[in-house]
């Protein structure tokens, strides 16, 4: 790992996926009590089905991504904690001047 920040396309892609998830949930909640009066070709029902399919495929992936990021963050924190316990202070880390 190079330690570089993610590029603009990566951030935009993450933002687009997050926006799709959030707006799908909002659309489903707002149209939960929809009465389908026009028949088989109702545009609201079509959009509801599309939003549910989007959530069906993207929801578990987002949960896995967040779980993986949480585990990675916990592992990094534990590694930093244990490495601080194992290191001894040196004259450089204590900023001791030796040329006096």
PDB file of N, CA and C in Angstrom:
ATOM      1  N   UNK A   1       0.832  -1.166   0.000  1.00  0.00           N
ATOM      2  CA  UNK A   1       0.000   0.000   0.000  1.00  0.00           C
ATOM      3  C   UNK A   1       0.884   1.239   0.000  1.00  0.00           C
ATOM      4  N   UNK A   2       0.565   2.209  -0.826  1.00  0.00           N
ATOM      5  CA  UNK A   2       1.419   3.372  -0.982  1.00  0.00           C
ATOM      6  C   UNK A   2       1.082   4.487  -0.012  1.00  0.00           C
ATOM      7  N   UNK A   3      -0.061   4.453   0.626  1.00  0.00           N
ATOM      8  CA  UNK A   3      -0.426   5.500   1.567  1.00  0.00           C
ATOM      9  C   UNK A   3      -0.999   6.733   0.896  1.00  0.00           C
ATOM     10  N   UNK A   4      -1.263   6.663  -0.410  1.00  0.00           N
ATOM     11  CA  UNK A   4      -1.824   7.802  -1.114  1.00  0.00           C
ATOM     12  C   UNK A   4      -3.317   7.893  -0.856  1.00  0.00           C
ATOM     13  N   UNK A   5      -3.843   9.086  -0.898  1.00  0.00           N
ATOM     14  CA  UNK A   5      -5.285   9.287  -0.770  1.00  0.00           C
ATOM     15  C   UNK A   5      -5.959   8.800  -2.051  1.00  0.00           C
ATOM     16  N   UNK A   6      -7.217   8.334  -1.959  1.00  0.00           N
ATOM     17  CA  UNK A   6      -7.900   7.882  -3.169  1.00  0.00           C
ATOM     18  C   UNK A   6      -8.106   9.032  -4.143  1.00  0.00           C
ATOM     19  N   UNK A   7      -8.065   8.707  -5.415  1.00  0.00           N
ATOM     20  CA  UNK A   7      -8.211   9.724  -6.449  1.00  0.00           C
ATOM     21  C   UNK A   7      -9.643  10.209  -6.580  1.00  0.00           C
ATOM     22  N   UNK A   8      -9.819  11.233  -7.392  1.00  0.00           N
ATOM     23  CA  UNK A   8     -11.148  11.814  -7.592  1.00  0.00           C
ATOM     24  C   UNK A   8     -12.141  10.819  -8.186  1.00  0.00           C
ATOM     25  N   UNK A   9     -11.753  10.010  -9.182  1.00  0.00           N
ATOM     26  CA  UNK A   9     -12.730   9.054  -9.721  1.00  0.00           C
ATOM     27  C   UNK A   9     -13.199   8.038  -8.675  1.00  0.00           C
ATOM     28  N   UNK A  10     -12.313   7.628  -7.793  1.00  0.00           N
ATOM     29  CA  UNK A  10     -12.690   6.673  -6.759  1.00  0.00           C
ATOM     30  C   UNK A  10     -13.680   7.299  -5.792  1.00  0.00           C
ATOM     31  N   UNK A  11     -13.414   8.512  -5.379  1.00  0.00           N
ATOM     32  CA  UNK A  11     -14.312   9.198  -4.452  1.00  0.00           C
ATOM     33  C   UNK A  11     -15.664   9.444  -5.118  1.00  0.00           C
ATOM     34  N   UNK A  12     -15.662   9.821  -6.393  1.00  0.00           N
ATOM     35  CA  UNK A  12     -16.918  10.034  -7.105  1.00  0.00           C
ATOM     36  C   UNK A  12     -17.715   8.742  -7.235  1.00  0.00           C
ATOM     37  N   UNK A  13     -17.038   7.634  -7.476  1.00  0.00           N
ATOM     38  CA  UNK A  13     -17.728   6.351  -7.589  1.00  0.00           C
ATOM     39  C   UNK A  13     -18.338   5.951  -6.255  1.00  0.00           C
ATOM     40  N   UNK A  14     -17.587   6.105  -5.165  1.00  0.00           N
ATOM     41  CA  UNK A  14     -18.137   5.812  -3.843  1.00  0.00           C
ATOM     42  C   UNK A  14     -19.350   6.702  -3.557  1.00  0.00           C
ATOM     43  N   UNK A  15     -19.242   7.960  -3.902  1.00  0.00           N
ATOM     44  CA  UNK A  15     -20.353   8.884  -3.681  1.00  0.00           C
ATOM     45  C   UNK A  15     -21.582   8.509  -4.487  1.00  0.00           C
ATOM     46  N   UNK A  16     -21.382   8.059  -5.734  1.00  0.00           N
ATOM     47  CA  UNK A  16     -22.509   7.661  -6.573  1.00  0.00           C
ATOM     48  C   UNK A  16     -23.211   6.422  -6.012  1.00  0.00           C
ATOM     49  N   UNK A  17     -22.438   5.454  -5.545  1.00  0.00           N
ATOM     50  CA  UNK A  17     -23.034   4.247  -4.963  1.00  0.00           C
ATOM     51  C   UNK A  17     -23.790   4.599  -3.689  1.00  0.00           C
ATOM     52  N   UNK A  18     -23.200   5.432  -2.857  1.00  0.00           N
ATOM     53  CA  UNK A  18     -23.865   5.846  -1.627  1.00  0.00           C
ATOM     54  C   UNK A  18     -25.143   6.623  -1.925  1.00  0.00           C
ATOM     55  N   UNK A  19     -25.098   7.516  -2.905  1.00  0.00           N
ATOM     56  CA  UNK A  19     -26.287   8.281  -3.287  1.00  0.00           C
ATOM     57  C   UNK A  19     -27.376   7.355  -3.814  1.00  0.00           C
ATOM     58  N   UNK A  20     -27.013   6.354  -4.612  1.00  0.00           N
ATOM     59  CA  UNK A  20     -28.003   5.410  -5.129  1.00  0.00           C
ATOM     60  C   UNK A  20     -28.670   4.649  -3.992  1.00  0.00           C
ATOM     61  N   UNK A  21     -27.902   4.238  -3.001  1.00  0.00           N
ATOM     62  CA  UNK A  21     -28.479   3.529  -1.861  1.00  0.00           C
ATOM     63  C   UNK A  21     -29.418   4.429  -1.069  1.00  0.00           C
ATOM     64  N   UNK A  22     -28.973   5.626  -0.757  1.00  0.00           N
ATOM     65  CA  UNK A  22     -29.771   6.531   0.066  1.00  0.00           C
ATOM     66  C   UNK A  22     -31.051   6.943  -0.648  1.00  0.00           C
ATOM     67  N   UNK A  23     -30.945   7.338  -1.910  1.00  0.00           N
ATOM     68  CA  UNK A  23     -32.134   7.782  -2.632  1.00  0.00           C
ATOM     69  C   UNK A  23     -33.096   6.638  -2.922  1.00  0.00           C
ATOM     70  N   UNK A  24     -32.600   5.415  -3.071  1.00  0.00           N
ATOM     71  CA  UNK A  24     -33.489   4.268  -3.244  1.00  0.00           C
ATOM     72  C   UNK A  24     -34.323   4.041  -1.997  1.00  0.00           C
ATOM     73  N   UNK A  25     -33.682   4.115  -0.849  1.00  0.00           N
ATOM     74  CA  UNK A  25     -34.412   3.937   0.411  1.00  0.00           C
ATOM     75  C   UNK A  25     -35.430   5.046   0.600  1.00  0.00           C
ATOM     76  N   UNK A  26     -35.034   6.277   0.319  1.00  0.00           N
ATOM     77  CA  UNK A  26     -35.955   7.408   0.471  1.00  0.00           C
ATOM     78  C   UNK A  26     -37.150   7.256  -0.454  1.00  0.00           C
ATOM     79  N   UNK A  27     -36.921   6.853  -1.694  1.00  0.00           N
ATOM     80  CA  UNK A  27     -38.016   6.686  -2.658  1.00  0.00           C
ATOM     81  C   UNK A  27     -38.970   5.591  -2.206  1.00  0.00           C
ATOM     82  N   UNK A  28     -38.436   4.490  -1.709  1.00  0.00           N
ATOM     83  CA  UNK A  28     -39.295   3.393  -1.262  1.00  0.00           C
ATOM     84  C   UNK A  28     -40.127   3.833  -0.069  1.00  0.00           C
ATOM     85  N   UNK A  29     -39.518   4.548   0.864  1.00  0.00           N
ATOM     86  CA  UNK A  29     -40.248   4.997   2.056  1.00  0.00           C
ATOM     87  C   UNK A  29     -41.344   5.997   1.677  1.00  0.00           C
ATOM     88  N   UNK A  30     -41.054   6.920   0.771  1.00  0.00           N
ATOM     89  CA  UNK A  30     -42.038   7.930   0.395  1.00  0.00           C
ATOM     90  C   UNK A  30     -43.209   7.346  -0.388  1.00  0.00           C
ATOM     91  N   UNK A  31     -42.974   6.274  -1.120  1.00  0.00           N
ATOM     92  CA  UNK A  31     -44.031   5.692  -1.947  1.00  0.00           C
ATOM     93  C   UNK A  31     -44.498   4.336  -1.427  1.00  0.00           C
ATOM     94  N   UNK A  32     -44.380   4.108  -0.138  1.00  0.00           N
ATOM     95  CA  UNK A  32     -44.764   2.812   0.426  1.00  0.00           C
ATOM     96  C   UNK A  32     -46.272   2.586   0.352  1.00  0.00           C
ATOM     97  N   UNK A  33     -47.063   3.644   0.434  1.00  0.00           N
ATOM     98  CA  UNK A  33     -48.527   3.491   0.400  1.00  0.00           C
ATOM     99  C   UNK A  33     -49.101   3.809  -0.981  1.00  0.00           C
ATOM    100  N   UNK A  34     -48.387   3.494  -2.018  1.00  0.00           N
ATOM    101  CA  UNK A  34     -48.797   3.793  -3.391  1.00  0.00           C
ATOM    102  C   UNK A  34     -49.958   2.903  -3.812  1.00  0.00           C
ATOM    103  N   UNK A  35     -51.025   3.532  -4.355  1.00  0.00           N
ATOM    104  CA  UNK A  35     -52.148   2.796  -4.933  1.00  0.00           C
ATOM    105  C   UNK A  35     -51.953   2.741  -6.437  1.00  0.00           C
ATOM    106  N   UNK A  36     -51.820   1.551  -6.952  1.00  0.00           N
ATOM    107  CA  UNK A  36     -51.552   1.386  -8.376  1.00  0.00           C
ATOM    108  C   UNK A  36     -52.867   1.409  -9.135  1.00  0.00           C
ATOM    109  N   UNK A  37     -53.274   2.585  -9.631  1.00  0.00           N
ATOM    110  CA  UNK A  37     -54.544   2.707 -10.332  1.00  0.00           C
ATOM    111  C   UNK A  37     -54.437   2.539 -11.849  1.00  0.00           C
ATOM    112  N   UNK A  38     -53.333   2.961 -12.517  1.00  0.00           N
ATOM    113  CA  UNK A  38     -53.317   2.855 -13.978  1.00  0.00           C
ATOM    114  C   UNK A  38     -53.259   1.431 -14.522  1.00  0.00           C
ATOM    115  N   UNK A  39     -52.826   0.462 -13.748  1.00  0.00           N
ATOM    116  CA  UNK A  39     -52.775  -0.897 -14.266  1.00  0.00           C
ATOM    117  C   UNK A  39     -51.377  -1.460 -14.247  1.00  0.00           C
ATOM    118  N   UNK A  40     -51.052  -2.250 -15.296  1.00  0.00           N
ATOM    119  CA  UNK A  40     -49.778  -2.965 -15.322  1.00  0.00           C
ATOM    120  C   UNK A  40     -48.575  -2.064 -15.619  1.00  0.00           C
ATOM    121  N   UNK A  41     -48.780  -0.954 -16.253  1.00  0.00           N
ATOM    122  CA  UNK A  41     -47.662  -0.105 -16.678  1.00  0.00           C
ATOM    123  C   UNK A  41     -47.546   1.151 -15.821  1.00  0.00           C
ATOM    124  N   UNK A  42     -47.592   0.981 -14.524  1.00  0.00           N
ATOM    125  CA  UNK A  42     -47.504   2.106 -13.597  1.00  0.00           C
ATOM    126  C   UNK A  42     -46.035   2.510 -13.448  1.00  0.00           C
ATOM    127  N   UNK A  43     -45.683   3.755 -13.748  1.00  0.00           N
ATOM    128  CA  UNK A  43     -44.284   4.164 -13.646  1.00  0.00           C
ATOM    129  C   UNK A  43     -43.771   4.164 -12.203  1.00  0.00           C
ATOM    130  N   UNK A  44     -44.634   4.432 -11.239  1.00  0.00           N
ATOM    131  CA  UNK A  44     -44.203   4.427  -9.844  1.00  0.00           C
ATOM    132  C   UNK A  44     -43.863   2.996  -9.411  1.00  0.00           C
ATOM    133  N   UNK A  45     -44.698   2.034  -9.792  1.00  0.00           N
ATOM    134  CA  UNK A  45     -44.414   0.630  -9.449  1.00  0.00           C
ATOM    135  C   UNK A  45     -43.117   0.160 -10.110  1.00  0.00           C
ATOM    136  N   UNK A  46     -42.888   0.605 -11.334  1.00  0.00           N
ATOM    137  CA  UNK A  46     -41.661   0.242 -12.033  1.00  0.00           C
ATOM    138  C   UNK A  46     -40.435   0.796 -11.294  1.00  0.00           C
ATOM    139  N   UNK A  47     -40.526   2.047 -10.858  1.00  0.00           N
ATOM    140  CA  UNK A  47     -39.414   2.649 -10.119  1.00  0.00           C
ATOM    141  C   UNK A  47     -39.226   1.995  -8.751  1.00  0.00           C
ATOM    142  N   UNK A  48     -40.344   1.601  -8.105  1.00  0.00           N
ATOM    143  CA  UNK A  48     -40.239   0.898  -6.826  1.00  0.00           C
ATOM    144  C   UNK A  48     -39.516  -0.431  -6.994  1.00  0.00           C
ATOM    145  N   UNK A  49     -39.859  -1.169  -8.045  1.00  0.00           N
ATOM    146  CA  UNK A  49     -39.177  -2.449  -8.302  1.00  0.00           C
ATOM    147  C   UNK A  49     -37.699  -2.238  -8.609  1.00  0.00           C
ATOM    148  N   UNK A  50     -37.390  -1.201  -9.378  1.00  0.00           N
ATOM    149  CA  UNK A  50     -35.987  -0.920  -9.701  1.00  0.00           C
ATOM    150  C   UNK A  50     -35.205  -0.531  -8.445  1.00  0.00           C
ATOM    151  N   UNK A  51     -35.813   0.259  -7.572  1.00  0.00           N
ATOM    152  CA  UNK A  51     -35.134   0.656  -6.334  1.00  0.00           C
ATOM    153  C   UNK A  51     -34.921  -0.553  -5.426  1.00  0.00           C
ATOM    154  N   UNK A  52     -35.902  -1.449  -5.355  1.00  0.00           N
ATOM    155  CA  UNK A  52     -35.748  -2.650  -4.531  1.00  0.00           C
ATOM    156  C   UNK A  52     -34.661  -3.567  -5.080  1.00  0.00           C
ATOM    157  N   UNK A  53     -34.576  -3.686  -6.393  1.00  0.00           N
ATOM    158  CA  UNK A  53     -33.506  -4.497  -6.996  1.00  0.00           C
ATOM    159  C   UNK A  53     -32.141  -3.886  -6.724  1.00  0.00           C
ATOM    160  N   UNK A  54     -32.055  -2.565  -6.815  1.00  0.00           N
ATOM    161  CA  UNK A  54     -30.800  -1.875  -6.542  1.00  0.00           C
ATOM    162  C   UNK A  54     -30.351  -2.141  -5.105  1.00  0.00           C
ATOM    163  N   UNK A  55     -31.294  -2.059  -4.177  1.00  0.00           N
ATOM    164  CA  UNK A  55     -30.963  -2.324  -2.778  1.00  0.00           C
ATOM    165  C   UNK A  55     -30.588  -3.782  -2.557  1.00  0.00           C
ATOM    166  N   UNK A  56     -31.247  -4.673  -3.301  1.00  0.00           N
ATOM    167  CA  UNK A  56     -30.965  -6.097  -3.137  1.00  0.00           C
ATOM    168  C   UNK A  56     -29.525  -6.422  -3.525  1.00  0.00           C
ATOM    169  N   UNK A  57     -28.999  -5.739  -4.536  1.00  0.00           N
ATOM    170  CA  UNK A  57     -27.642  -6.027  -4.991  1.00  0.00           C
ATOM    171  C   UNK A  57     -26.576  -5.168  -4.315  1.00  0.00           C
ATOM    172  N   UNK A  58     -26.888  -3.905  -4.052  1.00  0.00           N
ATOM    173  CA  UNK A  58     -25.886  -3.007  -3.479  1.00  0.00           C
ATOM    174  C   UNK A  58     -25.866  -3.030  -1.960  1.00  0.00           C
ATOM    175  N   UNK A  59     -26.963  -3.380  -1.321  1.00  0.00           N
ATOM    176  CA  UNK A  59     -27.033  -3.377   0.133  1.00  0.00           C
ATOM    177  C   UNK A  59     -26.021  -4.298   0.797  1.00  0.00           C
ATOM    178  N   UNK A  60     -25.988  -5.593   0.436  1.00  0.00           N
ATOM    179  CA  UNK A  60     -25.003  -6.482   1.053  1.00  0.00           C
ATOM    180  C   UNK A  60     -23.559  -6.073   0.740  1.00  0.00           C
ATOM    181  N   UNK A  61     -23.328  -5.558  -0.436  1.00  0.00           N
ATOM    182  CA  UNK A  61     -21.969  -5.125  -0.784  1.00  0.00           C
ATOM    183  C   UNK A  61     -21.544  -3.940   0.084  1.00  0.00           C
ATOM    184  N   UNK A  62     -22.456  -3.013   0.321  1.00  0.00           N
ATOM    185  CA  UNK A  62     -22.130  -1.868   1.174  1.00  0.00           C
ATOM    186  C   UNK A  62     -21.896  -2.319   2.611  1.00  0.00           C
ATOM    187  N   UNK A  63     -22.694  -3.282   3.070  1.00  0.00           N
ATOM    188  CA  UNK A  63     -22.502  -3.786   4.434  1.00  0.00           C
ATOM    189  C   UNK A  63     -21.147  -4.474   4.566  1.00  0.00           C
ATOM    190  N   UNK A  64     -20.761  -5.251   3.576  1.00  0.00           N
ATOM    191  CA  UNK A  64     -19.448  -5.913   3.609  1.00  0.00           C
ATOM    192  C   UNK A  64     -18.320  -4.893   3.563  1.00  0.00           C
ATOM    193  N   UNK A  65     -18.492  -3.863   2.754  1.00  0.00           N
ATOM    194  CA  UNK A  65     -17.467  -2.827   2.654  1.00  0.00           C
ATOM    195  C   UNK A  65     -17.293  -2.112   3.986  1.00  0.00           C
ATOM    196  N   UNK A  66     -18.404  -1.733   4.615  1.00  0.00           N
ATOM    197  CA  UNK A  66     -18.310  -1.044   5.896  1.00  0.00           C
ATOM    198  C   UNK A  66     -17.752  -1.964   6.977  1.00  0.00           C
ATOM    199  N   UNK A  67     -18.142  -3.234   6.950  1.00  0.00           N
ATOM    200  CA  UNK A  67     -17.592  -4.186   7.914  1.00  0.00           C
ATOM    201  C   UNK A  67     -16.101  -4.374   7.721  1.00  0.00           C
ATOM    202  N   UNK A  68     -15.670  -4.473   6.476  1.00  0.00           N
ATOM    203  CA  UNK A  68     -14.248  -4.617   6.192  1.00  0.00           C
ATOM    204  C   UNK A  68     -13.455  -3.395   6.608  1.00  0.00           C
ATOM    205  N   UNK A  69     -14.012  -2.211   6.361  1.00  0.00           N
ATOM    206  CA  UNK A  69     -13.328  -0.986   6.781  1.00  0.00           C
ATOM    207  C   UNK A  69     -13.254  -0.899   8.297  1.00  0.00           C
ATOM    208  N   UNK A  70     -14.304  -1.343   8.977  1.00  0.00           N
ATOM    209  CA  UNK A  70     -14.288  -1.339  10.434  1.00  0.00           C
ATOM    210  C   UNK A  70     -13.244  -2.293  10.987  1.00  0.00           C
ATOM    211  N   UNK A  71     -13.151  -3.489  10.396  1.00  0.00           N
ATOM    212  CA  UNK A  71     -12.142  -4.452  10.835  1.00  0.00           C
ATOM    213  C   UNK A  71     -10.734  -3.936  10.554  1.00  0.00           C
ATOM    214  N   UNK A  72     -10.553  -3.303   9.396  1.00  0.00           N
ATOM    215  CA  UNK A  72      -9.254  -2.751   9.052  1.00  0.00           C
ATOM    216  C   UNK A  72      -8.859  -1.649  10.029  1.00  0.00           C
ATOM    217  N   UNK A  73      -9.809  -0.782  10.370  1.00  0.00           N
ATOM    218  CA  UNK A  73      -9.533   0.285  11.324  1.00  0.00           C
ATOM    219  C   UNK A  73      -9.210  -0.254  12.713  1.00  0.00           C
ATOM    220  N   UNK A  74      -9.950  -1.296  13.128  1.00  0.00           N
ATOM    221  CA  UNK A  74      -9.681  -1.893  14.440  1.00  0.00           C
ATOM    222  C   UNK A  74      -8.307  -2.555  14.455  1.00  0.00           C
ATOM    223  N   UNK A  75      -7.966  -3.250  13.381  1.00  0.00           N
ATOM    224  CA  UNK A  75      -6.656  -3.900  13.314  1.00  0.00           C
ATOM    225  C   UNK A  75      -5.536  -2.863  13.310  1.00  0.00           C
ATOM    226  N   UNK A  76      -5.726  -1.764  12.598  1.00  0.00           N
ATOM    227  CA  UNK A  76      -4.702  -0.713  12.574  1.00  0.00           C
ATOM    228  C   UNK A  76      -4.547  -0.078  13.948  1.00  0.00           C
ATOM    229  N   UNK A  77      -5.656   0.141  14.643  1.00  0.00           N
ATOM    230  CA  UNK A  77      -5.579   0.704  15.992  1.00  0.00           C
ATOM    231  C   UNK A  77      -4.885  -0.225  16.970  1.00  0.00           C
ATOM    232  N   UNK A  78      -5.197  -1.531  16.888  1.00  0.00           N
ATOM    233  CA  UNK A  78      -4.535  -2.504  17.757  1.00  0.00           C
ATOM    234  C   UNK A  78      -3.048  -2.594  17.457  1.00  0.00           C
ATOM    235  N   UNK A  79      -2.707  -2.564  16.184  1.00  0.00           N
ATOM    236  CA  UNK A  79      -1.298  -2.621  15.802  1.00  0.00           C
ATOM    237  C   UNK A  79      -0.534  -1.406  16.342  1.00  0.00           C
ATOM    238  N   UNK A  80      -1.140  -0.241  16.235  1.00  0.00           N
ATOM    239  CA  UNK A  80      -0.492   0.964  16.747  1.00  0.00           C
ATOM    240  C   UNK A  80      -0.344   0.907  18.266  1.00  0.00           C
ATOM    241  N   UNK A  81      -1.364   0.395  18.947  1.00  0.00           N
ATOM    242  CA  UNK A  81      -1.314   0.296  20.405  1.00  0.00           C
ATOM    243  C   UNK A  81      -0.219  -0.661  20.851  1.00  0.00           C
ATOM    244  N   UNK A  82      -0.178  -1.847  20.239  1.00  0.00           N
ATOM    245  CA  UNK A  82       0.827  -2.832  20.652  1.00  0.00           C
ATOM    246  C   UNK A  82       2.239  -2.422  20.247  1.00  0.00           C
ATOM    247  N   UNK A  83       2.379  -1.740  19.138  1.00  0.00           N
ATOM    248  CA  UNK A  83       3.716  -1.286  18.751  1.00  0.00           C
ATOM    249  C   UNK A  83       4.213  -0.200  19.703  1.00  0.00           C
ATOM    250  N   UNK A  84       3.294   0.599  20.240  1.00  0.00           N
ATOM    251  CA  UNK A  84       3.723   1.614  21.214  1.00  0.00           C
ATOM    252  C   UNK A  84       4.145   0.964  22.535  1.00  0.00           C
ATOM    253  N   UNK A  85       3.565  -0.191  22.850  1.00  0.00           N
ATOM    254  CA  UNK A  85       3.973  -0.897  24.064  1.00  0.00           C
ATOM    255  C   UNK A  85       5.341  -1.551  23.912  1.00  0.00           C
ATOM    256  N   UNK A  86       5.679  -1.970  22.701  1.00  0.00           N
ATOM    257  CA  UNK A  86       6.915  -2.708  22.474  1.00  0.00           C
ATOM    258  C   UNK A  86       8.119  -1.820  22.227  1.00  0.00           C
ATOM    259  N   UNK A  87       7.908  -0.584  21.862  1.00  0.00           N
ATOM    260  CA  UNK A  87       9.046   0.290  21.564  1.00  0.00           C
ATOM    261  C   UNK A  87       9.547   0.948  22.834  1.00  0.00           C
ATOM    262  N   UNK A  88      10.844   1.060  22.926  1.00  0.00           N
ATOM    263  CA  UNK A  88      11.465   1.737  24.069  1.00  0.00           C
ATOM    264  C   UNK A  88      11.831   3.149  23.668  1.00  0.00           C
ATOM    265  N   UNK A  89      11.787   4.067  24.603  1.00  0.00           N
ATOM    266  CA  UNK A  89      12.197   5.436  24.264  1.00  0.00           C
ATOM    267  C   UNK A  89      13.700   5.495  23.995  1.00  0.00           C
ATOM    268  N   UNK A  90      14.070   6.216  22.979  1.00  0.00           N
ATOM    269  CA  UNK A  90      15.474   6.403  22.631  1.00  0.00           C
ATOM    270  C   UNK A  90      15.845   7.863  22.866  1.00  0.00           C
ATOM    271  N   UNK A  91      17.120   8.147  22.748  1.00  0.00           N
ATOM    272  CA  UNK A  91      17.556   9.525  22.936  1.00  0.00           C
ATOM    273  C   UNK A  91      16.998  10.435  21.840  1.00  0.00           C
ATOM    274  N   UNK A  92      16.759   9.884  20.664  1.00  0.00           N
ATOM    275  CA  UNK A  92      16.192  10.685  19.580  1.00  0.00           C
ATOM    276  C   UNK A  92      14.722  10.963  19.866  1.00  0.00           C
ATOM    277  N   UNK A  93      13.980   9.933  20.308  1.00  0.00           N
ATOM    278  CA  UNK A  93      12.560  10.149  20.594  1.00  0.00           C
ATOM    279  C   UNK A  93      12.360  11.052  21.811  1.00  0.00           C
ATOM    280  N   UNK A  94      13.308  11.053  22.729  1.00  0.00           N
ATOM    281  CA  UNK A  94      13.234  11.944  23.894  1.00  0.00           C
ATOM    282  C   UNK A  94      13.833  13.321  23.615  1.00  0.00           C
ATOM    283  N   UNK A  95      14.418  13.476  22.431  1.00  0.00           N
ATOM    284  CA  UNK A  95      15.029  14.748  21.977  1.00  0.00           C
ATOM    285  C   UNK A  95      16.123  15.215  22.923  1.00  0.00           C
ATOM    286  N   UNK A  96      17.012  14.299  23.250  1.00  0.00           N
ATOM    287  CA  UNK A  96      18.141  14.603  24.129  1.00  0.00           C
ATOM    288  C   UNK A  96      19.263  15.174  23.293  1.00  0.00           C
ATOM    289  N   UNK A  97      19.827  16.296  23.711  1.00  0.00           N
ATOM    290  CA  UNK A  97      20.968  16.887  23.020  1.00  0.00           C
ATOM    291  C   UNK A  97      22.234  16.290  23.582  1.00  0.00           C
ATOM    292  N   UNK A  98      23.077  15.784  22.717  1.00  0.00           N
ATOM    293  CA  UNK A  98      24.305  15.149  23.146  1.00  0.00           C
ATOM    294  C   UNK A  98      25.542  16.024  22.917  1.00  0.00           C
ATOM    295  N   UNK A  99      25.390  17.194  22.330  1.00  0.00           N
ATOM    296  CA  UNK A  99      26.536  18.032  22.007  1.00  0.00           C
ATOM    297  C   UNK A  99      26.738  19.180  22.995  1.00  0.00           C
ATOM    298  N   UNK A 100      26.357  18.999  24.192  1.00  0.00           N
ATOM    299  CA  UNK A 100      26.498  20.075  25.183  1.00  0.00           C
ATOM    300  C   UNK A 100      27.855  19.998  25.848  1.00  0.00           C
TER     301      UNK A 100
END
